[in-house]
Amino acid sequence: MKDDKIDVVTELGLNDQTPKEIVAELDKYIVGQSDAKKSVAIALRNRWRSHMLPEEMRDDVIPKNILMIGSTGVGKTEIARRLAKLVKAPFIKVEATKFTEVGYVGRDVESIIRDLAQTAVRMVHKQRTEDVKEKAAANAVERILDILVPEPKRTQNPLGKLFGNAENDKNEPIPVEIDEEKKKSGREFIRKRLIEGKLEDQLIELEVTDHAKPMVGMFSGSSLEGMGDNLQDMVSSLIPKRMRKRKVTIANARKILEQEEAEKLIDMEEVEEAAVDLAERSGIVFLDEIDKVAVKGSGSGPDVSREGVQRDILPIVEGSTVMTKYGPVKTDYILFIAAGAFHTAKPSDLIPELQGRFPIRVELKSLSKDDFEKILTEPQNALLKQYKALLKTEGLTLDFKAEAIEHLAELAEIVNEQAEDIGARRLHTLLEKLLEEISFSAPDMVEEGKTEIVIDSAYVDERLKDIAKNRDLSQFIL
């Protein structure tokens, strides 16, 4: 039997796709690297499986963290980025190089979990906003109607106080009768026009909250981050909200009022409680550049701080409780995916305790000529599709011949072998150089009546001959 909290996780934080379906989804955007995709897919599926276990067993099953090893540009970050869109779970990507050992100036590693909790709150809040969207929209319409058709003030007979009579022997003012039927029909007429969208451009005066800039931003940073957040919240709660009047169109007023009404309908305490549970049970942290804090051998100097970062990361990865402004967050069931190029350091240079917390090791392969060809053409957001779409906005059509694509892929492979291997990012360098003149002159070409340009192997040779000949390549390396 599963507890009520799991319902929140099931609603937002679980992906019930099979491993094959997850890999197929990643294949739409990322070429090759099947081993890394499989590992990520299995990790996600195991998370779903663990939530299906009986409660007494579920707590003992912890995620198996993943370490991705591969040079820059081979797809590590792209896999993480696409994973973030694929799973409905709190996800953050951080660089290990941003953090320093406790006692040094810089971000402390606990801010990773604070950021994750913040992401979870935004996700749950967005979900709750969707849930109350219809009710908030109806309430917003009523508030706009109150502005357009205000409640008539009940005026009094001024003579009532001066002269008593048989009908008013107690000397009370006589209220003027209001035609409720007339008022109701007028309100319904305006409501109908509002719903039909016929009043969207009409200006109305609206009273809105004046959002002042944070007064305590100076406290943010270093190990004072948490204190800065709490102090800012405390000051905000003490200072009363200032209101100001704005003239806005009904279309804009509708958005402002819908947001205000949604906030009234949402219980923020419940949102924060659900978000903490979501972060604990379904959170994913992508820890990039982990190799930059690895220490080769033993030594002193700045490397001591690097090892200190590893030791600070260790308790978070192995399971601890981090205090956030939304409450304590346990990290036992958060999935950590670490990645690094490991050119100058090796995974074995990490401290042994941290190595043991990343049992799944995946090595991403360097990209070949065939991979480059696929990257140029196959993904949904393929580079050639992007450049074609960009120049199409000018009215210029690009036609890439198969021989040109093959030649570009071959050139990318050669340059990566001769210079630094920067993976798929090399294609950005080559394509920018290849299309530089066309991008610059596109508007003039269209004016002259030239609407199509064919890119063949000869054109590639002509534009990139300097790169092919120049072995140094220093000006073209990113």
Protein backbone atom coordinates (compact mmCIF):
# COMPACT_ATOMS: atom_id res chain seq x y z
CA MET A 1 0.00 0.00 0.00
CA LYS A 2 1.45 3.35 -0.98
CA ASP A 3 1.08 6.47 1.15
CA ASP A 4 -0.64 9.68 0.03
CA LYS A 5 2.65 11.44 -0.63
CA ILE A 6 3.46 9.12 -3.49
CA ASP A 7 0.41 10.49 -5.30
CA VAL A 8 2.22 13.82 -5.63
CA VAL A 9 5.29 12.09 -7.02
CA THR A 10 3.21 9.99 -9.40
CA GLU A 11 1.44 13.10 -10.62
CA LEU A 12 4.62 14.98 -11.48
CA GLY A 13 7.84 13.11 -10.87
CA LEU A 14 7.59 9.75 -12.61
CA ASN A 15 8.10 8.80 -16.21
CA ASP A 16 6.39 5.50 -16.99
CA GLN A 17 8.04 5.05 -20.40
CA THR A 18 9.95 1.81 -20.96
CA PRO A 19 13.74 1.99 -21.41
CA LYS A 20 13.34 1.45 -25.17
CA GLU A 21 10.85 4.33 -25.38
CA ILE A 22 13.17 6.63 -23.43
CA VAL A 23 16.11 5.77 -25.73
CA ALA A 24 13.90 6.30 -28.80
CA GLU A 25 12.96 9.75 -27.47
CA LEU A 26 16.62 10.65 -26.88
CA ASP A 27 17.51 9.36 -30.37
CA LYS A 28 15.40 12.14 -31.87
CA TYR A 29 17.94 14.70 -30.65
CA ILE A 30 21.20 12.90 -29.89
CA VAL A 31 23.26 10.84 -32.34
CA GLY A 32 25.03 7.69 -31.12
CA GLN A 33 26.13 7.18 -27.50
CA SER A 34 23.80 4.21 -27.08
CA ASP A 35 25.55 3.05 -23.87
CA ALA A 36 24.95 6.37 -22.11
CA LYS A 37 21.33 6.47 -23.28
CA LYS A 38 20.75 2.92 -22.02
CA SER A 39 22.20 3.75 -18.59
CA VAL A 40 20.03 6.84 -18.21
CA ALA A 41 16.95 4.95 -19.43
CA ILE A 42 17.54 2.10 -16.96
CA ALA A 43 18.06 4.58 -14.11
CA LEU A 44 14.74 6.28 -14.89
CA ARG A 45 12.91 2.98 -15.21
CA ASN A 46 14.37 1.74 -11.91
CA ARG A 47 13.02 4.88 -10.26
CA TRP A 48 9.55 4.02 -11.54
CA ARG A 49 10.00 0.40 -10.42
CA SER A 50 11.03 1.47 -6.91
CA HIS A 51 7.82 3.49 -6.53
CA MET A 52 5.83 0.38 -7.37
CA LEU A 53 7.43 -1.62 -4.54
CA PRO A 54 5.74 -2.22 -1.17
CA GLU A 55 6.45 0.58 1.28
CA GLU A 56 8.64 -1.54 3.59
CA MET A 57 11.01 -2.37 0.69
CA ARG A 58 10.80 0.91 -1.18
CA ASP A 59 12.81 2.86 1.39
CA ASP A 60 15.77 0.49 1.07
CA VAL A 61 16.11 0.87 -2.71
CA ILE A 62 18.35 3.83 -3.51
CA PRO A 63 19.14 5.15 -7.02
CA LYS A 64 22.35 3.97 -8.69
CA ASN A 65 24.26 7.11 -9.64
CA ILE A 66 25.91 7.44 -13.05
CA LEU A 67 29.35 8.74 -14.06
CA MET A 68 29.68 9.78 -17.74
CA ILE A 69 33.21 9.94 -19.13
CA GLY A 70 33.87 11.61 -22.46
CA SER A 71 35.44 14.62 -24.13
CA THR A 72 33.56 17.85 -24.67
CA GLY A 73 30.95 17.97 -27.42
CA VAL A 74 30.10 14.25 -27.51
CA GLY A 75 26.62 14.61 -25.96
CA LYS A 76 26.93 14.44 -22.14
CA THR A 77 25.21 17.75 -21.45
CA GLU A 78 22.75 17.28 -24.31
CA ILE A 79 21.61 13.95 -22.85
CA ALA A 80 21.05 15.70 -19.51
CA ARG A 81 19.23 18.63 -21.11
CA ARG A 82 16.89 16.39 -23.10
CA LEU A 83 16.37 14.24 -20.02
CA ALA A 84 15.16 17.33 -18.18
CA LYS A 85 12.44 17.86 -20.79
CA LEU A 86 11.56 14.19 -20.91
CA VAL A 87 10.96 13.56 -17.21
CA LYS A 88 8.46 15.49 -15.14
CA ALA A 89 10.86 15.73 -12.24
CA PRO A 90 12.87 18.50 -10.56
CA PHE A 91 16.12 18.70 -12.51
CA ILE A 92 19.13 20.98 -12.21
CA LYS A 93 22.48 21.10 -13.98
CA VAL A 94 25.43 22.46 -12.03
CA GLU A 95 29.18 22.68 -12.61
CA ALA A 96 31.38 21.25 -9.88
CA THR A 97 33.88 24.06 -10.53
CA LYS A 98 31.41 26.63 -9.13
CA PHE A 99 31.72 25.24 -5.64
CA THR A 100 34.45 25.62 -3.05
CA GLU A 101 35.35 23.94 0.18
CA VAL A 102 33.61 25.28 3.27
CA GLY A 103 35.71 28.18 4.56
CA TYR A 104 36.69 29.41 1.09
CA VAL A 105 34.93 32.18 -0.82
CA GLY A 106 32.39 30.74 -3.27
CA ARG A 107 29.18 28.71 -3.37
CA ASP A 108 28.76 25.89 -0.88
CA VAL A 109 27.60 22.52 -2.21
CA GLU A 110 24.38 22.54 -0.17
CA SER A 111 23.11 25.26 -2.53
CA ILE A 112 22.65 22.42 -5.09
CA ILE A 113 19.82 21.00 -2.99
CA ARG A 114 18.41 24.45 -2.23
CA ASP A 115 18.24 25.12 -5.98
CA LEU A 116 16.63 21.72 -6.54
CA ALA A 117 13.98 22.47 -3.91
CA GLN A 118 13.31 25.84 -5.58
CA THR A 119 12.84 24.07 -8.93
CA ALA A 120 10.43 21.59 -7.33
CA VAL A 121 8.37 24.44 -5.81
CA ARG A 122 8.09 26.10 -9.22
CA MET A 123 6.97 22.82 -10.80
CA VAL A 124 4.31 22.05 -8.18
CA HIS A 125 3.12 25.67 -8.19
CA LYS A 126 2.76 25.55 -11.96
CA GLN A 127 0.79 22.31 -11.69
CA ARG A 128 -1.52 23.74 -9.03
CA THR A 129 -2.00 26.89 -11.14
CA GLU A 130 -3.15 24.71 -14.04
CA ASP A 131 -5.56 22.91 -11.71
CA VAL A 132 -7.28 26.16 -10.64
CA LYS A 133 -6.97 27.89 -14.03
CA GLU A 134 -10.69 27.77 -14.88
CA LYS A 135 -11.81 28.97 -11.46
CA ALA A 136 -9.21 31.79 -11.51
CA ALA A 137 -10.35 32.86 -15.00
CA ALA A 138 -14.00 33.01 -13.84
CA ASN A 139 -13.04 35.06 -10.77
CA ALA A 140 -10.97 37.43 -12.94
CA VAL A 141 -13.97 38.06 -15.20
CA GLU A 142 -16.08 38.92 -12.13
CA ARG A 143 -13.47 41.43 -10.99
CA ILE A 144 -13.33 43.05 -14.42
CA LEU A 145 -17.14 43.26 -14.39
CA ASP A 146 -16.98 44.97 -10.98
CA ILE A 147 -14.78 47.63 -12.58
CA LEU A 148 -16.87 48.01 -15.74
CA VAL A 149 -20.25 47.78 -14.00
CA PRO A 150 -19.62 49.10 -10.47
CA GLU A 151 -22.15 48.57 -7.70
CA PRO A 152 -24.41 51.70 -7.56
CA LYS A 153 -24.03 53.71 -4.38
CA ARG A 154 -27.22 53.78 -2.34
CA THR A 155 -27.96 57.49 -2.02
CA GLN A 156 -30.32 58.86 0.61
CA ASN A 157 -33.21 61.36 0.53
CA PRO A 158 -31.66 64.53 2.00
CA LEU A 159 -35.09 65.73 3.14
CA GLY A 160 -35.56 62.67 5.33
CA LYS A 161 -33.28 64.06 7.98
CA LEU A 162 -34.86 67.53 7.87
CA PHE A 163 -38.58 66.81 7.83
CA GLY A 164 -40.40 64.02 9.55
CA ASN A 165 -43.61 62.66 8.00
CA ALA A 166 -46.10 59.84 8.41
CA GLU A 167 -43.96 57.39 6.43
CA ASN A 168 -40.79 58.38 8.23
CA ASP A 169 -41.88 59.21 11.72
CA LYS A 170 -38.57 58.01 13.14
CA ASN A 171 -36.81 60.71 11.11
CA GLU A 172 -34.71 58.06 9.18
CA PRO A 173 -33.33 58.67 5.69
CA ILE A 174 -35.34 57.12 2.88
CA PRO A 175 -33.12 54.90 0.61
CA VAL A 176 -33.49 55.28 -3.13
CA GLU A 177 -34.64 52.00 -4.70
CA ILE A 178 -32.22 50.34 -7.14
CA ASP A 179 -33.50 48.53 -10.19
CA GLU A 180 -31.75 45.18 -9.57
CA GLU A 181 -33.16 43.66 -12.75
CA LYS A 182 -31.75 46.47 -14.88
CA LYS A 183 -28.37 46.22 -13.20
CA LYS A 184 -28.28 42.44 -13.68
CA SER A 185 -29.16 42.63 -17.38
CA GLY A 186 -26.48 45.30 -17.93
CA ARG A 187 -23.87 43.14 -16.19
CA GLU A 188 -24.82 40.08 -18.24
CA PHE A 189 -24.58 42.12 -21.46
CA ILE A 190 -21.05 43.24 -20.57
CA ARG A 191 -20.13 39.67 -19.50
CA LYS A 192 -21.22 38.34 -22.88
CA ARG A 193 -19.07 40.94 -24.70
CA LEU A 194 -16.13 40.08 -22.43
CA ILE A 195 -16.40 36.35 -23.17
CA GLU A 196 -16.66 37.05 -26.90
CA GLY A 197 -13.45 39.11 -26.70
CA LYS A 198 -15.01 42.34 -27.97
CA LEU A 199 -13.62 44.52 -25.17
CA GLU A 200 -10.00 43.32 -25.10
CA ASP A 201 -8.50 46.67 -26.22
CA GLN A 202 -10.56 48.83 -23.85
CA LEU A 203 -8.54 50.57 -21.12
CA ILE A 204 -9.49 50.18 -17.47
CA GLU A 205 -7.86 51.34 -14.23
CA LEU A 206 -6.56 48.49 -12.14
CA GLU A 207 -5.06 48.42 -8.66
CA VAL A 208 -2.00 46.16 -8.67
CA THR A 209 0.69 45.22 -6.17
CA ASP A 210 3.85 47.30 -6.43
CA HIS A 211 6.66 44.75 -6.55
CA ALA A 212 9.62 46.52 -4.97
CA LYS A 213 13.15 45.28 -5.63
CA PRO A 214 14.62 42.95 -2.97
CA MET A 215 16.28 44.94 -0.20
CA VAL A 216 18.63 42.22 0.96
CA GLY A 217 20.17 40.97 -2.27
CA MET A 218 23.53 41.96 -0.79
CA PHE A 219 23.36 38.96 1.53
CA SER A 220 23.18 36.43 -1.29
CA GLY A 221 26.32 34.53 -2.20
CA SER A 222 28.95 32.45 -0.48
CA SER A 223 27.79 30.47 2.55
CA LEU A 224 25.33 33.27 3.45
CA GLU A 225 22.98 32.20 0.62
CA GLY A 226 20.51 30.47 2.88
CA MET A 227 20.57 33.30 5.42
CA GLY A 228 20.05 35.85 2.64
CA ASP A 229 16.98 33.99 1.35
CA ASN A 230 15.45 33.69 4.81
CA LEU A 231 16.15 37.32 5.69
CA GLN A 232 14.63 38.47 2.40
CA ASP A 233 11.46 36.45 3.08
CA MET A 234 11.27 37.83 6.62
CA VAL A 235 11.62 41.46 5.48
CA SER A 236 9.03 40.88 2.72
CA SER A 237 6.50 39.55 5.22
CA LEU A 238 7.02 42.50 7.59
CA ILE A 239 6.63 45.22 4.98
CA PRO A 240 2.98 45.69 3.92
CA LYS A 241 2.23 45.35 0.21
CA ARG A 242 2.06 48.66 -1.58
CA MET A 243 -0.67 49.08 -4.17
CA ARG A 244 -0.63 51.37 -7.18
CA LYS A 245 -3.08 52.15 -9.95
CA ARG A 246 -2.32 51.25 -13.57
CA LYS A 247 -4.22 51.82 -16.77
CA VAL A 248 -4.15 48.59 -18.75
CA THR A 249 -6.15 46.98 -21.52
CA ILE A 250 -8.73 44.39 -20.52
CA ALA A 251 -6.58 41.73 -22.22
CA ASN A 252 -3.65 42.55 -19.89
CA ALA A 253 -5.96 43.03 -16.90
CA ARG A 254 -7.32 39.54 -17.46
CA LYS A 255 -3.78 38.05 -17.22
CA ILE A 256 -2.91 40.05 -14.10
CA LEU A 257 -6.16 39.23 -12.33
CA GLU A 258 -6.07 35.54 -13.30
CA GLN A 259 -2.63 35.28 -11.73
CA GLU A 260 -3.80 37.07 -8.56
CA GLU A 261 -6.88 34.89 -8.27
CA ALA A 262 -4.86 31.73 -8.82
CA GLU A 263 -2.52 32.77 -5.99
CA LYS A 264 -5.53 33.15 -3.69
CA LEU A 265 -6.77 29.66 -4.56
CA ILE A 266 -3.40 27.95 -4.05
CA ASP A 267 -2.28 26.86 -0.59
CA MET A 268 1.46 27.66 -0.62
CA GLU A 269 2.14 25.59 2.49
CA GLU A 270 0.71 22.54 0.73
CA VAL A 271 2.73 23.40 -2.41
CA GLU A 272 5.98 23.60 -0.44
CA GLU A 273 5.26 20.35 1.38
CA ALA A 274 4.53 18.54 -1.89
CA ALA A 275 7.60 20.11 -3.55
CA VAL A 276 9.95 18.89 -0.82
CA ASP A 277 8.57 15.37 -1.20
CA LEU A 278 8.91 15.61 -4.98
CA ALA A 279 12.53 16.78 -4.75
CA GLU A 280 13.37 13.99 -2.27
CA ARG A 281 11.76 11.17 -4.25
CA SER A 282 12.24 12.25 -7.87
CA GLY A 283 14.99 14.90 -7.98
CA ILE A 284 17.78 14.59 -10.56
CA VAL A 285 21.09 16.47 -10.28
CA PHE A 286 23.48 16.64 -13.25
CA LEU A 287 26.93 17.41 -11.85
CA ASP A 288 29.12 18.52 -14.75
CA GLU A 289 32.91 19.09 -14.86
CA ILE A 290 33.45 16.62 -12.01
CA ASP A 291 36.94 15.87 -13.38
CA LYS A 292 38.02 19.46 -12.65
CA VAL A 293 37.84 18.83 -8.90
CA ALA A 294 39.72 15.50 -9.15
CA VAL A 295 43.22 15.62 -7.65
CA LYS A 296 46.14 13.73 -9.18
CA GLY A 297 48.21 12.24 -6.40
CA SER A 298 48.74 14.19 -3.19
CA GLY A 299 49.91 17.72 -2.87
CA SER A 300 49.25 21.09 -1.37
CA GLY A 301 48.11 24.45 -2.60
CA PRO A 302 44.90 25.01 -4.53
CA ASP A 303 44.35 21.26 -4.98
CA VAL A 304 43.48 21.00 -1.30
CA SER A 305 40.36 23.04 -1.98
CA ARG A 306 39.44 20.71 -4.86
CA GLU A 307 39.61 17.67 -2.61
CA GLY A 308 37.60 19.62 -0.07
CA VAL A 309 34.86 20.12 -2.66
CA GLN A 310 34.74 16.35 -3.22
CA ARG A 311 34.45 15.76 0.52
CA ASP A 312 31.65 18.32 0.75
CA ILE A 313 29.81 16.71 -2.19
CA LEU A 314 30.16 13.24 -0.66
CA PRO A 315 27.56 13.51 2.16
CA ILE A 316 25.01 14.98 -0.25
CA VAL A 317 25.53 12.14 -2.75
CA GLU A 318 25.52 9.38 -0.14
CA GLY A 319 22.49 10.73 1.71
CA SER A 320 22.08 13.58 4.17
CA THR A 321 19.55 16.24 5.17
CA VAL A 322 19.92 19.78 3.86
CA MET A 323 18.01 22.66 5.39
CA THR A 324 16.17 24.82 2.84
CA LYS A 325 13.67 27.64 3.30
CA TYR A 326 10.94 25.13 2.41
CA GLY A 327 12.02 22.68 5.10
CA PRO A 328 14.60 19.87 5.43
CA VAL A 329 15.31 17.91 2.24
CA LYS A 330 16.72 14.37 2.43
CA THR A 331 19.08 13.51 -0.43
CA ASP A 332 18.99 9.70 -0.08
CA TYR A 333 16.78 9.11 -3.14
CA ILE A 334 17.99 11.90 -5.44
CA LEU A 335 19.62 10.60 -8.65
CA PHE A 336 23.06 12.10 -9.32
CA ILE A 337 24.56 12.01 -12.82
CA ALA A 338 28.18 13.21 -12.88
CA ALA A 339 30.11 13.95 -16.06
CA GLY A 340 33.60 14.97 -17.07
CA ALA A 341 36.13 14.79 -19.90
CA PHE A 342 38.86 13.27 -17.68
CA HIS A 343 41.67 14.34 -20.02
CA THR A 344 44.25 15.26 -17.38
CA ALA A 345 42.67 13.33 -14.50
CA LYS A 346 41.19 9.84 -14.25
CA PRO A 347 38.06 8.65 -12.43
CA SER A 348 40.42 6.91 -10.02
CA ASP A 349 41.77 10.35 -9.02
CA LEU A 350 38.47 11.07 -7.28
CA ILE A 351 38.47 10.23 -3.59
CA PRO A 352 37.56 6.54 -3.09
CA GLU A 353 34.39 7.31 -1.12
CA LEU A 354 33.04 9.41 -4.01
CA GLN A 355 34.02 6.80 -6.62
CA GLY A 356 31.97 4.23 -4.74
CA ARG A 357 28.88 6.44 -4.94
CA PHE A 358 28.89 6.34 -8.77
CA PRO A 359 28.66 2.59 -9.49
CA ILE A 360 27.51 2.98 -13.13
CA ARG A 361 30.36 4.14 -15.40
CA VAL A 362 29.68 5.02 -19.03
CA GLU A 363 32.34 6.04 -21.52
CA LEU A 364 31.07 8.20 -24.38
CA LYS A 365 32.87 7.66 -27.66
CA SER A 366 34.48 10.31 -29.84
CA LEU A 367 32.38 11.22 -32.86
CA SER A 368 33.21 9.76 -36.27
CA LYS A 369 32.54 11.02 -39.79
CA ASP A 370 29.27 9.03 -39.94
CA ASP A 371 28.17 10.57 -36.63
CA PHE A 372 28.85 14.07 -37.94
CA GLU A 373 26.76 13.39 -41.06
CA LYS A 374 23.85 12.24 -38.91
CA ILE A 375 24.21 15.23 -36.56
CA LEU A 376 23.98 17.56 -39.56
CA THR A 377 20.80 16.02 -40.94
CA GLU A 378 18.89 13.59 -38.69
CA PRO A 379 17.90 15.20 -35.33
CA GLN A 380 14.73 17.25 -35.12
CA ASN A 381 16.82 20.35 -34.49
CA ALA A 382 19.69 19.38 -36.86
CA LEU A 383 22.21 22.12 -37.59
CA LEU A 384 21.47 22.27 -41.32
CA LYS A 385 17.73 22.57 -40.61
CA GLN A 386 18.49 25.48 -38.28
CA TYR A 387 20.59 27.37 -40.84
CA LYS A 388 18.05 26.73 -43.60
CA ALA A 389 15.24 28.06 -41.41
CA LEU A 390 17.25 31.15 -40.40
CA LEU A 391 18.00 32.14 -43.99
CA LYS A 392 14.48 31.25 -45.12
CA THR A 393 13.30 34.22 -43.04
CA GLU A 394 15.19 36.43 -45.52
CA GLY A 395 13.57 34.63 -48.46
CA LEU A 396 16.73 32.67 -49.28
CA THR A 397 16.64 28.89 -49.81
CA LEU A 398 19.75 26.79 -49.05
CA ASP A 399 20.20 23.47 -50.85
CA PHE A 400 22.89 21.27 -49.30
CA LYS A 401 24.05 18.50 -51.63
CA ALA A 402 24.89 15.09 -50.15
CA GLU A 403 28.52 15.44 -51.28
CA ALA A 404 28.83 18.76 -49.38
CA ILE A 405 27.45 17.22 -46.17
CA GLU A 406 29.85 14.28 -46.48
CA HIS A 407 32.77 16.64 -47.10
CA LEU A 408 31.84 18.77 -44.07
CA ALA A 409 31.64 15.68 -41.84
CA GLU A 410 35.01 14.45 -43.09
CA LEU A 411 36.59 17.85 -42.49
CA ALA A 412 35.17 18.00 -38.94
CA GLU A 413 36.70 14.60 -38.17
CA ILE A 414 40.10 15.61 -39.57
CA VAL A 415 40.22 18.92 -37.69
CA ASN A 416 39.22 17.23 -34.41
CA GLU A 417 42.05 14.74 -34.87
CA GLN A 418 44.65 17.38 -35.72
CA ALA A 419 43.61 19.91 -33.07
CA GLU A 420 41.67 19.61 -29.83
CA ASP A 421 38.73 17.20 -30.03
CA ILE A 422 35.71 19.40 -29.31
CA GLY A 423 33.18 16.94 -30.71
CA ALA A 424 30.03 18.21 -32.41
CA ARG A 425 30.90 21.81 -31.53
CA ARG A 426 33.42 21.66 -34.38
CA LEU A 427 30.48 21.64 -36.79
CA HIS A 428 29.34 25.01 -35.46
CA THR A 429 32.78 26.45 -36.24
CA LEU A 430 32.87 25.03 -39.76
CA LEU A 431 29.29 25.97 -40.65
CA GLU A 432 29.70 29.54 -39.42
CA LYS A 433 32.79 29.94 -41.60
CA LEU A 434 31.11 28.19 -44.53
CA LEU A 435 27.98 30.37 -44.47
CA GLU A 436 29.56 33.60 -43.26
CA GLU A 437 29.40 35.40 -46.63
CA ILE A 438 25.88 34.13 -47.41
CA SER A 439 24.56 35.22 -44.00
CA PHE A 440 26.13 38.66 -44.46
CA SER A 441 24.84 39.24 -48.00
CA ALA A 442 21.48 37.42 -47.83
CA PRO A 443 19.24 40.55 -47.88
CA ASP A 444 21.14 41.97 -50.89
CA MET A 445 20.98 38.64 -52.75
CA VAL A 446 17.19 38.49 -52.36
CA GLU A 447 16.85 42.08 -53.60
CA GLU A 448 18.84 41.14 -56.69
CA GLY A 449 16.43 38.26 -57.34
CA LYS A 450 18.65 35.41 -56.14
CA THR A 451 16.44 33.20 -53.95
CA GLU A 452 18.29 29.85 -53.94
CA ILE A 453 21.89 28.89 -53.26
CA VAL A 454 23.32 25.42 -53.83
CA ILE A 455 26.04 24.26 -51.43
CA ASP A 456 28.13 21.57 -53.10
CA SER A 457 31.54 20.03 -52.42
CA ALA A 458 33.31 22.68 -54.53
CA TYR A 459 31.75 25.49 -52.48
CA VAL A 460 32.86 23.77 -49.24
CA ASP A 461 36.41 23.49 -50.61
CA GLU A 462 36.45 27.11 -51.67
CA ARG A 463 35.24 28.49 -48.32
CA LEU A 464 37.15 26.11 -46.04
CA LYS A 465 40.41 25.58 -47.97
CA ASP A 466 42.37 27.62 -45.40
CA ILE A 467 41.20 25.35 -42.60
CA ALA A 468 42.08 22.24 -44.57
CA LYS A 469 45.60 23.52 -45.30
CA ASN A 470 46.38 25.25 -42.03
CA ARG A 471 47.57 22.64 -39.56
CA ASP A 472 47.80 25.16 -36.74
CA LEU A 473 44.11 26.06 -36.93
CA SER A 474 44.49 28.36 -33.93
CA GLN A 475 42.04 31.00 -35.19
CA PHE A 476 39.32 28.40 -35.75
CA ILE A 477 39.50 26.56 -32.44
CA LEU A 478 36.64 27.45 -30.11
